[in-house]
Amino acid sequence: MNDEQRHADGMKVRREVLGDAHVDRAIANTTEFTADFQHFITRYAWGEIWTREGLDRKTRSCLTLALLTALRAEGELPMHVRAARRNGLTPDEIKEVFLHTAVYAGVPAANAAFAIAQKVLAEEA
């Protein structure tokens, strides 16, 4: 598969997982400085990894939430809480991911994730 096809496949999955509004904002905010990075994440993260058959999207969302929590990447969590809901996770399943993550990544990281997710879920209700 060539890079153009990976990018096209990645954009399709990126839109399905994150939603058109988010992707359209990201594209609209792309600058000359960030264009290569936007192309990279679309091609690699979404077109190479999220398109693989080895894990379903729900499982990928669980992993993503856990990893973002462990990395204290709070800026990325709201987007991926929404994506997790789009990928079929219930609020209770998201809670379980954060509880499980607390054991392995620490209570402060999970505490921040719970606060962020609670706000996002309330906005979505």
PDB file of N, CA and C in Angstrom:
ATOM      1  N   MET A   1       0.846  -1.177   0.000  1.00  0.00           N
ATOM      2  CA  MET A   1       0.000   0.000   0.000  1.00  0.00           C
ATOM      3  C   MET A   1       0.896   1.246   0.000  1.00  0.00           C
ATOM      4  N   ASN A   2       0.559   2.236  -0.806  1.00  0.00           N
ATOM      5  CA  ASN A   2       1.370   3.446  -0.864  1.00  0.00           C
ATOM      6  C   ASN A   2       0.898   4.472   0.172  1.00  0.00           C
ATOM      7  N   ASP A   3       1.685   5.536   0.336  1.00  0.00           N
ATOM      8  CA  ASP A   3       1.382   6.552   1.347  1.00  0.00           C
ATOM      9  C   ASP A   3       0.058   7.250   1.085  1.00  0.00           C
ATOM     10  N   GLU A   4      -0.278   7.482  -0.180  1.00  0.00           N
ATOM     11  CA  GLU A   4      -1.552   8.136  -0.497  1.00  0.00           C
ATOM     12  C   GLU A   4      -2.733   7.291  -0.044  1.00  0.00           C
ATOM     13  N   GLN A   5      -2.645   5.979  -0.262  1.00  0.00           N
ATOM     14  CA  GLN A   5      -3.731   5.092   0.158  1.00  0.00           C
ATOM     15  C   GLN A   5      -3.810   5.009   1.674  1.00  0.00           C
ATOM     16  N   ARG A   6      -2.642   4.952   2.341  1.00  0.00           N
ATOM     17  CA  ARG A   6      -2.625   4.938   3.811  1.00  0.00           C
ATOM     18  C   ARG A   6      -3.265   6.206   4.362  1.00  0.00           C
ATOM     19  N   HIS A   7      -2.939   7.340   3.736  1.00  0.00           N
ATOM     20  CA  HIS A   7      -3.507   8.608   4.180  1.00  0.00           C
ATOM     21  C   HIS A   7      -5.022   8.604   3.982  1.00  0.00           C
ATOM     22  N   ALA A   8      -5.491   8.149   2.831  1.00  0.00           N
ATOM     23  CA  ALA A   8      -6.939   8.096   2.564  1.00  0.00           C
ATOM     24  C   ALA A   8      -7.640   7.170   3.551  1.00  0.00           C
ATOM     25  N   ASP A   9      -7.068   5.982   3.768  1.00  0.00           N
ATOM     26  CA  ASP A   9      -7.644   5.035   4.735  1.00  0.00           C
ATOM     27  C   ASP A   9      -7.620   5.633   6.141  1.00  0.00           C
ATOM     28  N   GLY A  10      -6.508   6.283   6.465  1.00  0.00           N
ATOM     29  CA  GLY A  10      -6.367   6.907   7.779  1.00  0.00           C
ATOM     30  C   GLY A  10      -7.374   8.015   7.996  1.00  0.00           C
ATOM     31  N   MET A  11      -7.612   8.814   6.979  1.00  0.00           N
ATOM     32  CA  MET A  11      -8.578   9.910   7.111  1.00  0.00           C
ATOM     33  C   MET A  11      -9.985   9.355   7.327  1.00  0.00           C
ATOM     34  N   LYS A  12     -10.301   8.263   6.657  1.00  0.00           N
ATOM     35  CA  LYS A  12     -11.611   7.633   6.828  1.00  0.00           C
ATOM     36  C   LYS A  12     -11.787   7.163   8.278  1.00  0.00           C
ATOM     37  N   VAL A  13     -10.801   6.450   8.801  1.00  0.00           N
ATOM     38  CA  VAL A  13     -10.883   5.944  10.172  1.00  0.00           C
ATOM     39  C   VAL A  13     -10.840   7.096  11.170  1.00  0.00           C
ATOM     40  N   ARG A  14      -9.975   8.061  10.938  1.00  0.00           N
ATOM     41  CA  ARG A  14      -9.870   9.224  11.831  1.00  0.00           C
ATOM     42  C   ARG A  14     -11.231   9.918  11.945  1.00  0.00           C
ATOM     43  N   ARG A  15     -11.921  10.090  10.838  1.00  0.00           N
ATOM     44  CA  ARG A  15     -13.242  10.729  10.862  1.00  0.00           C
ATOM     45  C   ARG A  15     -14.266   9.847  11.584  1.00  0.00           C
ATOM     46  N   GLU A  16     -14.206   8.548  11.362  1.00  0.00           N
ATOM     47  CA  GLU A  16     -15.145   7.638  12.024  1.00  0.00           C
ATOM     48  C   GLU A  16     -14.940   7.614  13.536  1.00  0.00           C
ATOM     49  N   VAL A  17     -13.695   7.656  13.973  1.00  0.00           N
ATOM     50  CA  VAL A  17     -13.387   7.544  15.400  1.00  0.00           C
ATOM     51  C   VAL A  17     -13.507   8.890  16.116  1.00  0.00           C
ATOM     52  N   LEU A  18     -12.976   9.952  15.517  1.00  0.00           N
ATOM     53  CA  LEU A  18     -12.952  11.253  16.194  1.00  0.00           C
ATOM     54  C   LEU A  18     -14.121  12.155  15.824  1.00  0.00           C
ATOM     55  N   GLY A  19     -14.769  11.855  14.721  1.00  0.00           N
ATOM     56  CA  GLY A  19     -15.885  12.684  14.263  1.00  0.00           C
ATOM     57  C   GLY A  19     -15.432  13.736  13.276  1.00  0.00           C
ATOM     58  N   ASP A  20     -16.317  14.041  12.349  1.00  0.00           N
ATOM     59  CA  ASP A  20     -16.003  15.018  11.315  1.00  0.00           C
ATOM     60  C   ASP A  20     -15.663  16.390  11.891  1.00  0.00           C
ATOM     61  N   ALA A  21     -16.398  16.832  12.902  1.00  0.00           N
ATOM     62  CA  ALA A  21     -16.170  18.174  13.456  1.00  0.00           C
ATOM     63  C   ALA A  21     -14.742  18.315  13.974  1.00  0.00           C
ATOM     64  N   HIS A  22     -14.274  17.310  14.708  1.00  0.00           N
ATOM     65  CA  HIS A  22     -12.906  17.376  15.244  1.00  0.00           C
ATOM     66  C   HIS A  22     -11.879  17.390  14.112  1.00  0.00           C
ATOM     67  N   VAL A  23     -12.045  16.492  13.168  1.00  0.00           N
ATOM     68  CA  VAL A  23     -11.073  16.395  12.064  1.00  0.00           C
ATOM     69  C   VAL A  23     -11.112  17.665  11.224  1.00  0.00           C
ATOM     70  N   ASP A  24     -12.300  18.186  10.967  1.00  0.00           N
ATOM     71  CA  ASP A  24     -12.394  19.426  10.192  1.00  0.00           C
ATOM     72  C   ASP A  24     -11.695  20.581  10.903  1.00  0.00           C
ATOM     73  N   ARG A  25     -11.831  20.663  12.236  1.00  0.00           N
ATOM     74  CA  ARG A  25     -11.115  21.697  13.006  1.00  0.00           C
ATOM     75  C   ARG A  25      -9.609  21.510  12.897  1.00  0.00           C
ATOM     76  N   ALA A  26      -9.151  20.264  13.028  1.00  0.00           N
ATOM     77  CA  ALA A  26      -7.712  19.998  12.940  1.00  0.00           C
ATOM     78  C   ALA A  26      -7.173  20.408  11.568  1.00  0.00           C
ATOM     79  N   ILE A  27      -7.909  20.082  10.534  1.00  0.00           N
ATOM     80  CA  ILE A  27      -7.482  20.442   9.178  1.00  0.00           C
ATOM     81  C   ILE A  27      -7.492  21.961   9.001  1.00  0.00           C
ATOM     82  N   ALA A  28      -8.549  22.603   9.483  1.00  0.00           N
ATOM     83  CA  ALA A  28      -8.654  24.056   9.348  1.00  0.00           C
ATOM     84  C   ALA A  28      -7.535  24.774  10.101  1.00  0.00           C
ATOM     85  N   ASN A  29      -7.079  24.178  11.195  1.00  0.00           N
ATOM     86  CA  ASN A  29      -6.020  24.794  12.004  1.00  0.00           C
ATOM     87  C   ASN A  29      -4.614  24.389  11.565  1.00  0.00           C
ATOM     88  N   THR A  30      -4.518  23.585  10.523  1.00  0.00           N
ATOM     89  CA  THR A  30      -3.212  23.160  10.031  1.00  0.00           C
ATOM     90  C   THR A  30      -2.486  24.346   9.416  1.00  0.00           C
ATOM     91  N   THR A  31      -1.233  24.456   9.775  1.00  0.00           N
ATOM     92  CA  THR A  31      -0.380  25.521   9.233  1.00  0.00           C
ATOM     93  C   THR A  31       0.753  24.873   8.451  1.00  0.00           C
ATOM     94  N   GLU A  32       1.541  25.702   7.823  1.00  0.00           N
ATOM     95  CA  GLU A  32       2.716  25.178   7.125  1.00  0.00           C
ATOM     96  C   GLU A  32       3.617  24.422   8.112  1.00  0.00           C
ATOM     97  N   PHE A  33       3.696  24.931   9.333  1.00  0.00           N
ATOM     98  CA  PHE A  33       4.531  24.315  10.365  1.00  0.00           C
ATOM     99  C   PHE A  33       3.998  22.957  10.796  1.00  0.00           C
ATOM    100  N   THR A  34       2.654  22.788  10.880  1.00  0.00           N
ATOM    101  CA  THR A  34       2.066  21.551  11.397  1.00  0.00           C
ATOM    102  C   THR A  34       1.594  20.586  10.316  1.00  0.00           C
ATOM    103  N   ALA A  35       1.652  20.990   9.058  1.00  0.00           N
ATOM    104  CA  ALA A  35       1.106  20.167   7.966  1.00  0.00           C
ATOM    105  C   ALA A  35       1.762  18.784   7.902  1.00  0.00           C
ATOM    106  N   ASP A  36       3.066  18.724   8.019  1.00  0.00           N
ATOM    107  CA  ASP A  36       3.748  17.426   7.959  1.00  0.00           C
ATOM    108  C   ASP A  36       3.321  16.518   9.105  1.00  0.00           C
ATOM    109  N   PHE A  37       3.124  17.103  10.297  1.00  0.00           N
ATOM    110  CA  PHE A  37       2.693  16.312  11.445  1.00  0.00           C
ATOM    111  C   PHE A  37       1.276  15.793  11.237  1.00  0.00           C
ATOM    112  N   GLN A  38       0.364  16.639  10.744  1.00  0.00           N
ATOM    113  CA  GLN A  38      -1.006  16.202  10.467  1.00  0.00           C
ATOM    114  C   GLN A  38      -1.018  15.052   9.454  1.00  0.00           C
ATOM    115  N   HIS A  39      -0.212  15.175   8.428  1.00  0.00           N
ATOM    116  CA  HIS A  39      -0.134  14.115   7.417  1.00  0.00           C
ATOM    117  C   HIS A  39       0.417  12.836   8.051  1.00  0.00           C
ATOM    118  N   PHE A  40       1.440  12.981   8.888  1.00  0.00           N
ATOM    119  CA  PHE A  40       2.066  11.847   9.561  1.00  0.00           C
ATOM    120  C   PHE A  40       1.064  11.094  10.435  1.00  0.00           C
ATOM    121  N   ILE A  41       0.324  11.813  11.308  1.00  0.00           N
ATOM    122  CA  ILE A  41      -0.585  11.102  12.208  1.00  0.00           C
ATOM    123  C   ILE A  41      -1.748  10.477  11.446  1.00  0.00           C
ATOM    124  N   THR A  42      -2.185  11.142  10.384  1.00  0.00           N
ATOM    125  CA  THR A  42      -3.270  10.563   9.592  1.00  0.00           C
ATOM    126  C   THR A  42      -2.798   9.292   8.904  1.00  0.00           C
ATOM    127  N   ARG A  43      -1.618   9.353   8.322  1.00  0.00           N
ATOM    128  CA  ARG A  43      -1.072   8.206   7.587  1.00  0.00           C
ATOM    129  C   ARG A  43      -0.642   7.082   8.528  1.00  0.00           C
ATOM    130  N   TYR A  44       0.060   7.430   9.595  1.00  0.00           N
ATOM    131  CA  TYR A  44       0.663   6.409  10.449  1.00  0.00           C
ATOM    132  C   TYR A  44      -0.280   5.930  11.553  1.00  0.00           C
ATOM    133  N   ALA A  45      -0.712   6.844  12.422  1.00  0.00           N
ATOM    134  CA  ALA A  45      -1.562   6.418  13.545  1.00  0.00           C
ATOM    135  C   ALA A  45      -2.891   5.864  13.047  1.00  0.00           C
ATOM    136  N   TRP A  46      -3.543   6.607  12.153  1.00  0.00           N
ATOM    137  CA  TRP A  46      -4.877   6.211  11.718  1.00  0.00           C
ATOM    138  C   TRP A  46      -4.853   5.259  10.532  1.00  0.00           C
ATOM    139  N   GLY A  47      -3.955   5.466   9.583  1.00  0.00           N
ATOM    140  CA  GLY A  47      -3.930   4.636   8.380  1.00  0.00           C
ATOM    141  C   GLY A  47      -3.121   3.363   8.503  1.00  0.00           C
ATOM    142  N   GLU A  48      -2.197   3.333   9.437  1.00  0.00           N
ATOM    143  CA  GLU A  48      -1.341   2.165   9.603  1.00  0.00           C
ATOM    144  C   GLU A  48      -1.736   1.334  10.823  1.00  0.00           C
ATOM    145  N   ILE A  49      -2.059   1.981  11.933  1.00  0.00           N
ATOM    146  CA  ILE A  49      -2.312   1.272  13.191  1.00  0.00           C
ATOM    147  C   ILE A  49      -3.809   1.047  13.439  1.00  0.00           C
ATOM    148  N   TRP A  50      -4.610   2.100  13.412  1.00  0.00           N
ATOM    149  CA  TRP A  50      -6.043   1.944  13.694  1.00  0.00           C
ATOM    150  C   TRP A  50      -6.761   1.124  12.627  1.00  0.00           C
ATOM    151  N   THR A  51      -6.188   0.914  11.470  1.00  0.00           N
ATOM    152  CA  THR A  51      -6.829   0.112  10.423  1.00  0.00           C
ATOM    153  C   THR A  51      -6.488  -1.368  10.528  1.00  0.00           C
ATOM    154  N   ARG A  52      -5.559  -1.717  11.401  1.00  0.00           N
ATOM    155  CA  ARG A  52      -5.171  -3.122  11.531  1.00  0.00           C
ATOM    156  C   ARG A  52      -6.327  -3.951  12.068  1.00  0.00           C
ATOM    157  N   GLU A  53      -6.351  -5.220  11.704  1.00  0.00           N
ATOM    158  CA  GLU A  53      -7.435  -6.114  12.117  1.00  0.00           C
ATOM    159  C   GLU A  53      -7.207  -6.784  13.465  1.00  0.00           C
ATOM    160  N   GLY A  54      -6.020  -6.708  14.036  1.00  0.00           N
ATOM    161  CA  GLY A  54      -5.688  -7.462  15.241  1.00  0.00           C
ATOM    162  C   GLY A  54      -6.474  -7.103  16.482  1.00  0.00           C
ATOM    163  N   LEU A  55      -6.953  -5.867  16.579  1.00  0.00           N
ATOM    164  CA  LEU A  55      -7.762  -5.423  17.717  1.00  0.00           C
ATOM    165  C   LEU A  55      -8.957  -4.650  17.173  1.00  0.00           C
ATOM    166  N   ASP A  56     -10.094  -4.787  17.832  1.00  0.00           N
ATOM    167  CA  ASP A  56     -11.241  -3.988  17.412  1.00  0.00           C
ATOM    168  C   ASP A  56     -11.090  -2.562  17.956  1.00  0.00           C
ATOM    169  N   ARG A  57     -11.922  -1.682  17.468  1.00  0.00           N
ATOM    170  CA  ARG A  57     -11.812  -0.271  17.852  1.00  0.00           C
ATOM    171  C   ARG A  57     -12.116  -0.043  19.329  1.00  0.00           C
ATOM    172  N   LYS A  58     -13.012  -0.820  19.878  1.00  0.00           N
ATOM    173  CA  LYS A  58     -13.335  -0.681  21.299  1.00  0.00           C
ATOM    174  C   LYS A  58     -12.095  -0.983  22.149  1.00  0.00           C
ATOM    175  N   THR A  59     -11.399  -2.058  21.813  1.00  0.00           N
ATOM    176  CA  THR A  59     -10.182  -2.422  22.540  1.00  0.00           C
ATOM    177  C   THR A  59      -9.106  -1.363  22.335  1.00  0.00           C
ATOM    178  N   ARG A  60      -8.970  -0.877  21.114  1.00  0.00           N
ATOM    179  CA  ARG A  60      -7.987   0.189  20.854  1.00  0.00           C
ATOM    180  C   ARG A  60      -8.300   1.432  21.678  1.00  0.00           C
ATOM    181  N   SER A  61      -9.579   1.755  21.816  1.00  0.00           N
ATOM    182  CA  SER A  61      -9.948   2.905  22.646  1.00  0.00           C
ATOM    183  C   SER A  61      -9.605   2.668  24.111  1.00  0.00           C
ATOM    184  N   CYS A  62      -9.834   1.459  24.621  1.00  0.00           N
ATOM    185  CA  CYS A  62      -9.447   1.141  26.005  1.00  0.00           C
ATOM    186  C   CYS A  62      -7.948   1.360  26.204  1.00  0.00           C
ATOM    187  N   LEU A  63      -7.172   0.834  25.289  1.00  0.00           N
ATOM    188  CA  LEU A  63      -5.724   0.996  25.375  1.00  0.00           C
ATOM    189  C   LEU A  63      -5.313   2.464  25.303  1.00  0.00           C
ATOM    190  N   THR A  64      -5.933   3.183  24.392  1.00  0.00           N
ATOM    191  CA  THR A  64      -5.599   4.592  24.225  1.00  0.00           C
ATOM    192  C   THR A  64      -5.903   5.373  25.492  1.00  0.00           C
ATOM    193  N   LEU A  65      -7.072   5.154  26.084  1.00  0.00           N
ATOM    194  CA  LEU A  65      -7.410   5.843  27.331  1.00  0.00           C
ATOM    195  C   LEU A  65      -6.411   5.508  28.437  1.00  0.00           C
ATOM    196  N   ALA A  66      -6.068   4.239  28.570  1.00  0.00           N
ATOM    197  CA  ALA A  66      -5.123   3.826  29.607  1.00  0.00           C
ATOM    198  C   ALA A  66      -3.750   4.446  29.384  1.00  0.00           C
ATOM    199  N   LEU A  67      -3.289   4.411  28.148  1.00  0.00           N
ATOM    200  CA  LEU A  67      -1.961   4.955  27.855  1.00  0.00           C
ATOM    201  C   LEU A  67      -1.907   6.468  28.022  1.00  0.00           C
ATOM    202  N   LEU A  68      -2.931   7.162  27.565  1.00  0.00           N
ATOM    203  CA  LEU A  68      -2.958   8.613  27.737  1.00  0.00           C
ATOM    204  C   LEU A  68      -2.999   8.979  29.210  1.00  0.00           C
ATOM    205  N   THR A  69      -3.737   8.195  29.994  1.00  0.00           N
ATOM    206  CA  THR A  69      -3.780   8.420  31.441  1.00  0.00           C
ATOM    207  C   THR A  69      -2.402   8.210  32.040  1.00  0.00           C
ATOM    208  N   ALA A  70      -1.769   7.099  31.701  1.00  0.00           N
ATOM    209  CA  ALA A  70      -0.452   6.782  32.249  1.00  0.00           C
ATOM    210  C   ALA A  70       0.590   7.828  31.858  1.00  0.00           C
ATOM    211  N   LEU A  71       0.475   8.358  30.660  1.00  0.00           N
ATOM    212  CA  LEU A  71       1.428   9.362  30.180  1.00  0.00           C
ATOM    213  C   LEU A  71       1.099  10.772  30.670  1.00  0.00           C
ATOM    214  N   ARG A  72      -0.029  10.903  31.378  1.00  0.00           N
ATOM    215  CA  ARG A  72      -0.500  12.224  31.846  1.00  0.00           C
ATOM    216  C   ARG A  72      -0.705  13.177  30.670  1.00  0.00           C
ATOM    217  N   ALA A  73      -1.245  12.619  29.594  1.00  0.00           N
ATOM    218  CA  ALA A  73      -1.529  13.397  28.386  1.00  0.00           C
ATOM    219  C   ALA A  73      -2.971  13.899  28.451  1.00  0.00           C
ATOM    220  N   GLU A  74      -3.247  14.701  29.488  1.00  0.00           N
ATOM    221  CA  GLU A  74      -4.608  15.155  29.746  1.00  0.00           C
ATOM    222  C   GLU A  74      -5.208  15.944  28.589  1.00  0.00           C
ATOM    223  N   GLY A  75      -4.380  16.616  27.809  1.00  0.00           N
ATOM    224  CA  GLY A  75      -4.889  17.381  26.678  1.00  0.00           C
ATOM    225  C   GLY A  75      -5.515  16.516  25.599  1.00  0.00           C
ATOM    226  N   GLU A  76      -5.105  15.265  25.522  1.00  0.00           N
ATOM    227  CA  GLU A  76      -5.632  14.343  24.524  1.00  0.00           C
ATOM    228  C   GLU A  76      -6.844  13.546  25.023  1.00  0.00           C
ATOM    229  N   LEU A  77      -7.045  13.519  26.330  1.00  0.00           N
ATOM    230  CA  LEU A  77      -8.100  12.674  26.898  1.00  0.00           C
ATOM    231  C   LEU A  77      -9.520  13.053  26.475  1.00  0.00           C
ATOM    232  N   PRO A  78      -9.906  14.325  26.478  1.00  0.00           N
ATOM    233  CA  PRO A  78     -11.298  14.612  26.094  1.00  0.00           C
ATOM    234  C   PRO A  78     -11.653  14.056  24.707  1.00  0.00           C
ATOM    235  N   MET A  79     -10.781  14.270  23.753  1.00  0.00           N
ATOM    236  CA  MET A  79     -11.008  13.779  22.397  1.00  0.00           C
ATOM    237  C   MET A  79     -11.166  12.257  22.390  1.00  0.00           C
ATOM    238  N   HIS A  80     -10.342  11.570  23.168  1.00  0.00           N
ATOM    239  CA  HIS A  80     -10.379  10.108  23.149  1.00  0.00           C
ATOM    240  C   HIS A  80     -11.478   9.521  24.044  1.00  0.00           C
ATOM    241  N   VAL A  81     -11.973  10.279  25.012  1.00  0.00           N
ATOM    242  CA  VAL A  81     -13.172   9.843  25.733  1.00  0.00           C
ATOM    243  C   VAL A  81     -14.350   9.872  24.757  1.00  0.00           C
ATOM    244  N   ARG A  82     -14.455  10.954  23.991  1.00  0.00           N
ATOM    245  CA  ARG A  82     -15.519  11.025  22.972  1.00  0.00           C
ATOM    246  C   ARG A  82     -15.366   9.897  21.951  1.00  0.00           C
ATOM    247  N   ALA A  83     -14.134   9.653  21.529  1.00  0.00           N
ATOM    248  CA  ALA A  83     -13.875   8.574  20.561  1.00  0.00           C
ATOM    249  C   ALA A  83     -14.252   7.218  21.147  1.00  0.00           C
ATOM    250  N   ALA A  84     -13.939   7.017  22.421  1.00  0.00           N
ATOM    251  CA  ALA A  84     -14.281   5.747  23.075  1.00  0.00           C
ATOM    252  C   ALA A  84     -15.787   5.534  23.077  1.00  0.00           C
ATOM    253  N   ARG A  85     -16.534   6.590  23.344  1.00  0.00           N
ATOM    254  CA  ARG A  85     -17.996   6.481  23.305  1.00  0.00           C
ATOM    255  C   ARG A  85     -18.460   6.147  21.891  1.00  0.00           C
ATOM    256  N   ARG A  86     -17.855   6.800  20.889  1.00  0.00           N
ATOM    257  CA  ARG A  86     -18.188   6.527  19.489  1.00  0.00           C
ATOM    258  C   ARG A  86     -17.841   5.085  19.124  1.00  0.00           C
ATOM    259  N   ASN A  87     -16.819   4.544  19.770  1.00  0.00           N
ATOM    260  CA  ASN A  87     -16.390   3.176  19.500  1.00  0.00           C
ATOM    261  C   ASN A  87     -17.111   2.148  20.370  1.00  0.00           C
ATOM    262  N   GLY A  88     -18.119   2.585  21.116  1.00  0.00           N
ATOM    263  CA  GLY A  88     -18.968   1.643  21.824  1.00  0.00           C
ATOM    264  C   GLY A  88     -18.723   1.470  23.306  1.00  0.00           C
ATOM    265  N   LEU A  89     -17.761   2.175  23.888  1.00  0.00           N
ATOM    266  CA  LEU A  89     -17.549   2.046  25.326  1.00  0.00           C
ATOM    267  C   LEU A  89     -18.641   2.791  26.082  1.00  0.00           C
ATOM    268  N   THR A  90     -19.104   2.170  27.145  1.00  0.00           N
ATOM    269  CA  THR A  90     -20.077   2.820  28.024  1.00  0.00           C
ATOM    270  C   THR A  90     -19.312   3.647  29.061  1.00  0.00           C
ATOM    271  N   PRO A  91     -19.997   4.573  29.721  1.00  0.00           N
ATOM    272  CA  PRO A  91     -19.328   5.284  30.818  1.00  0.00           C
ATOM    273  C   PRO A  91     -18.772   4.329  31.881  1.00  0.00           C
ATOM    274  N   ASP A  92     -19.500   3.246  32.175  1.00  0.00           N
ATOM    275  CA  ASP A  92     -18.998   2.282  33.163  1.00  0.00           C
ATOM    276  C   ASP A  92     -17.724   1.594  32.685  1.00  0.00           C
ATOM    277  N   GLU A  93     -17.629   1.302  31.399  1.00  0.00           N
ATOM    278  CA  GLU A  93     -16.398   0.686  30.868  1.00  0.00           C
ATOM    279  C   GLU A  93     -15.239   1.676  30.908  1.00  0.00           C
ATOM    280  N   ILE A  94     -15.512   2.933  30.627  1.00  0.00           N
ATOM    281  CA  ILE A  94     -14.465   3.960  30.725  1.00  0.00           C
ATOM    282  C   ILE A  94     -13.991   4.060  32.174  1.00  0.00           C
ATOM    283  N   LYS A  95     -14.925   4.029  33.105  1.00  0.00           N
ATOM    284  CA  LYS A  95     -14.582   4.048  34.530  1.00  0.00           C
ATOM    285  C   LYS A  95     -13.670   2.871  34.874  1.00  0.00           C
ATOM    286  N   GLU A  96     -13.993   1.693  34.382  1.00  0.00           N
ATOM    287  CA  GLU A  96     -13.178   0.509  34.667  1.00  0.00           C
ATOM    288  C   GLU A  96     -11.770   0.642  34.104  1.00  0.00           C
ATOM    289  N   VAL A  97     -11.657   1.240  32.915  1.00  0.00           N
ATOM    290  CA  VAL A  97     -10.325   1.469  32.335  1.00  0.00           C
ATOM    291  C   VAL A  97      -9.509   2.349  33.279  1.00  0.00           C
ATOM    292  N   PHE A  98     -10.115   3.428  33.784  1.00  0.00           N
ATOM    293  CA  PHE A  98      -9.377   4.343  34.662  1.00  0.00           C
ATOM    294  C   PHE A  98      -9.070   3.703  36.014  1.00  0.00           C
ATOM    295  N   LEU A  99      -9.984   2.906  36.549  1.00  0.00           N
ATOM    296  CA  LEU A  99      -9.699   2.205  37.803  1.00  0.00           C
ATOM    297  C   LEU A  99      -8.533   1.244  37.628  1.00  0.00           C
ATOM    298  N   HIS A 100      -8.555   0.506  36.541  1.00  0.00           N
ATOM    299  CA  HIS A 100      -7.473  -0.439  36.258  1.00  0.00           C
ATOM    300  C   HIS A 100      -6.151   0.309  36.067  1.00  0.00           C
ATOM    301  N   THR A 101      -6.211   1.421  35.367  1.00  0.00           N
ATOM    302  CA  THR A 101      -5.010   2.219  35.115  1.00  0.00           C
ATOM    303  C   THR A 101      -4.448   2.781  36.414  1.00  0.00           C
ATOM    304  N   ALA A 102      -5.311   3.117  37.359  1.00  0.00           N
ATOM    305  CA  ALA A 102      -4.844   3.667  38.635  1.00  0.00           C
ATOM    306  C   ALA A 102      -3.882   2.718  39.336  1.00  0.00           C
ATOM    307  N   VAL A 103      -4.142   1.424  39.220  1.00  0.00           N
ATOM    308  CA  VAL A 103      -3.284   0.431  39.882  1.00  0.00           C
ATOM    309  C   VAL A 103      -1.884   0.432  39.269  1.00  0.00           C
ATOM    310  N   TYR A 104      -1.800   0.582  37.964  1.00  0.00           N
ATOM    311  CA  TYR A 104      -0.523   0.436  37.271  1.00  0.00           C
ATOM    312  C   TYR A 104       0.160   1.760  36.939  1.00  0.00           C
ATOM    313  N   ALA A 105      -0.608   2.843  36.858  1.00  0.00           N
ATOM    314  CA  ALA A 105      -0.019   4.126  36.477  1.00  0.00           C
ATOM    315  C   ALA A 105      -0.096   5.167  37.582  1.00  0.00           C
ATOM    316  N   GLY A 106      -0.855   4.866  38.615  1.00  0.00           N
ATOM    317  CA  GLY A 106      -0.926   5.772  39.753  1.00  0.00           C
ATOM    318  C   GLY A 106      -2.265   6.462  39.907  1.00  0.00           C
ATOM    319  N   VAL A 107      -2.597   6.696  41.161  1.00  0.00           N
ATOM    320  CA  VAL A 107      -3.853   7.344  41.504  1.00  0.00           C
ATOM    321  C   VAL A 107      -3.920   8.787  40.975  1.00  0.00           C
ATOM    322  N   PRO A 108      -2.866   9.592  41.086  1.00  0.00           N
ATOM    323  CA  PRO A 108      -2.981  10.960  40.565  1.00  0.00           C
ATOM    324  C   PRO A 108      -3.307  11.008  39.068  1.00  0.00           C
ATOM    325  N   ALA A 109      -2.713  10.129  38.295  1.00  0.00           N
ATOM    326  CA  ALA A 109      -3.001  10.099  36.856  1.00  0.00           C
ATOM    327  C   ALA A 109      -4.452   9.711  36.610  1.00  0.00           C
ATOM    328  N   ALA A 110      -4.936   8.704  37.319  1.00  0.00           N
ATOM    329  CA  ALA A 110      -6.320   8.272  37.156  1.00  0.00           C
ATOM    330  C   ALA A 110      -7.288   9.330  37.671  1.00  0.00           C
ATOM    331  N   ASN A 111      -6.921  10.008  38.742  1.00  0.00           N
ATOM    332  CA  ASN A 111      -7.766  11.067  39.282  1.00  0.00           C
ATOM    333  C   ASN A 111      -7.976  12.163  38.240  1.00  0.00           C
ATOM    334  N   ALA A 112      -6.915  12.559  37.572  1.00  0.00           N
ATOM    335  CA  ALA A 112      -7.032  13.572  36.517  1.00  0.00           C
ATOM    336  C   ALA A 112      -7.899  13.055  35.375  1.00  0.00           C
ATOM    337  N   ALA A 113      -7.714  11.792  34.997  1.00  0.00           N
ATOM    338  CA  ALA A 113      -8.498  11.206  33.910  1.00  0.00           C
ATOM    339  C   ALA A 113      -9.983  11.149  34.274  1.00  0.00           C
ATOM    340  N   PHE A 114     -10.297  10.766  35.508  1.00  0.00           N
ATOM    341  CA  PHE A 114     -11.692  10.734  35.945  1.00  0.00           C
ATOM    342  C   PHE A 114     -12.318  12.125  35.849  1.00  0.00           C
ATOM    343  N   ALA A 115     -11.593  13.137  36.291  1.00  0.00           N
ATOM    344  CA  ALA A 115     -12.133  14.500  36.258  1.00  0.00           C
ATOM    345  C   ALA A 115     -12.414  14.946  34.825  1.00  0.00           C
ATOM    346  N   ILE A 116     -11.493  14.660  33.937  1.00  0.00           N
ATOM    347  CA  ILE A 116     -11.666  15.032  32.533  1.00  0.00           C
ATOM    348  C   ILE A 116     -12.825  14.271  31.914  1.00  0.00           C
ATOM    349  N   ALA A 117     -12.860  12.966  32.125  1.00  0.00           N
ATOM    350  CA  ALA A 117     -13.924  12.149  31.544  1.00  0.00           C
ATOM    351  C   ALA A 117     -15.290  12.537  32.096  1.00  0.00           C
ATOM    352  N   GLN A 118     -15.368  12.837  33.385  1.00  0.00           N
ATOM    353  CA  GLN A 118     -16.647  13.233  33.979  1.00  0.00           C
ATOM    354  C   GLN A 118     -17.176  14.487  33.297  1.00  0.00           C
ATOM    355  N   LYS A 119     -16.296  15.448  33.045  1.00  0.00           N
ATOM    356  CA  LYS A 119     -16.708  16.679  32.364  1.00  0.00           C
ATOM    357  C   LYS A 119     -17.182  16.398  30.944  1.00  0.00           C
ATOM    358  N   VAL A 120     -16.417  15.585  30.204  1.00  0.00           N
ATOM    359  CA  VAL A 120     -16.780  15.252  28.833  1.00  0.00           C
ATOM    360  C   VAL A 120     -18.100  14.501  28.787  1.00  0.00           C
ATOM    361  N   LEU A 121     -18.262  13.511  29.644  1.00  0.00           N
ATOM    362  CA  LEU A 121     -19.492  12.727  29.653  1.00  0.00           C
ATOM    363  C   LEU A 121     -20.700  13.578  30.024  1.00  0.00           C
ATOM    364  N   ALA A 122     -20.514  14.530  30.929  1.00  0.00           N
ATOM    365  CA  ALA A 122     -21.612  15.434  31.290  1.00  0.00           C
ATOM    366  C   ALA A 122     -22.000  16.323  30.103  1.00  0.00           C
ATOM    367  N   GLU A 123     -20.991  16.776  29.360  1.00  0.00           N
ATOM    368  CA  GLU A 123     -21.261  17.586  28.166  1.00  0.00           C
ATOM    369  C   GLU A 123     -22.006  16.801  27.111  1.00  0.00           C
ATOM    370  N   GLU A 124     -21.718  15.505  27.024  1.00  0.00           N
ATOM    371  CA  GLU A 124     -22.321  14.660  26.004  1.00  0.00           C
ATOM    372  C   GLU A 124     -23.745  14.214  26.372  1.00  0.00           C
ATOM    373  N   ALA A 125     -24.067  14.290  27.672  1.00  0.00           N
ATOM    374  CA  ALA A 125     -25.385  13.797  28.125  1.00  0.00           C
ATOM    375  C   ALA A 125     -26.523  14.701  27.692  1.00  0.00           C
TER     376      ALA A 125
END
